[in-house]
Amino acid sequence: MIYGLGIIGAGNMAEAIVRGVLRAGVFEPGQIIAADVTLARRDLFNNELKVKAIEDVREVAEASKVILLSVKPQQMASVLADLGPVMKPGTLVISIAAGISSAFIEKHLGPQAKWHVIRTMPNTPMLVGEGMVAMASGTNATSADMDTARELFESSASVIEVKESQIDAVTAVSGSGPAYFFFLVEQMIAGGVQLGLSPEQAHQLATKTALGAAKMLTTSSDSPAELRRKVTSPGGTTNAAIVLMQERKVDQAIIDALKAADKRGKELGQ
């Protein structure tokens, strides 16, 4: 049987993508096959998503028109060595691995074909239909390949095309970005509790505030700086908080954090 989509590495990000394409009707469960070494992940795909999940990556590679590479960067070389000998030359390979270049993938799949590779960086809000994905074409990927990848991701994300040299920066901003917001909200909840709110009250206040602020950011014509200015009255409570964060160089720490993520992405690719 030939599958429309084969998943190599059925982790959380792959799950988010599959849920999106199933929700949008891009594929039916029977058109997808996945491989993962972890029994719990295979069980989730088999039982909850109704997607066939097995352990043998070679079987998935041999039977799929499109391959989604979703394995850890450190495992990529050995996995690709298994896939190349059984994959058909026209197979489209879409990678979501941080730091791994399309040239690396082409090299480790082997010299038996001019591999069609697209490097991408999605993020986990795809789970709720609010993802962000950047795509970069490899040497041999065609415009039709890019259209296929775009359809795959647009089921639950906004999609942009970038140069491959920009993908590590994308990873730092949007791939890792949700974790930065989760971290901020964690601290807002903790601070609220220290100020006398119950954990439940602090959680509701912080999470709903984050949701509302995100909606304003995506719907308003104002810049983030202008939206912040409108909330920050001179001499007021918000101003006191912002001044303290600036004095403690929180703004620079955030920029430095993104640079650290970008640097780590480059290290993973070496």
Foldseek 3Di string as FASTA:
>chain_A
DAAAEEEEAQDLVVVLLLVLCCVLVVDPLDRYEYADCDPVSQCCSCPVVVHHYYHDPQVRQLRYQEYEYDDELVCLLVSLLSNLVRHDQNREYEYQYFQADPVNSQVSSHDPHRHWYKYKHKANQSNVLEIEMEIEGDDPHDPVSVVVVCSSSNSRYDYYYDHPVCRLLCCLPGRCPVVVLVVVLVVQLVVVVVVPDDSVVSNVVSVVVVVVVVVCCVPPPDHPVVVLVVVDDVPDDSVVVVVVCVVVPVVVVSVVSSVVSSVVSNVSHD
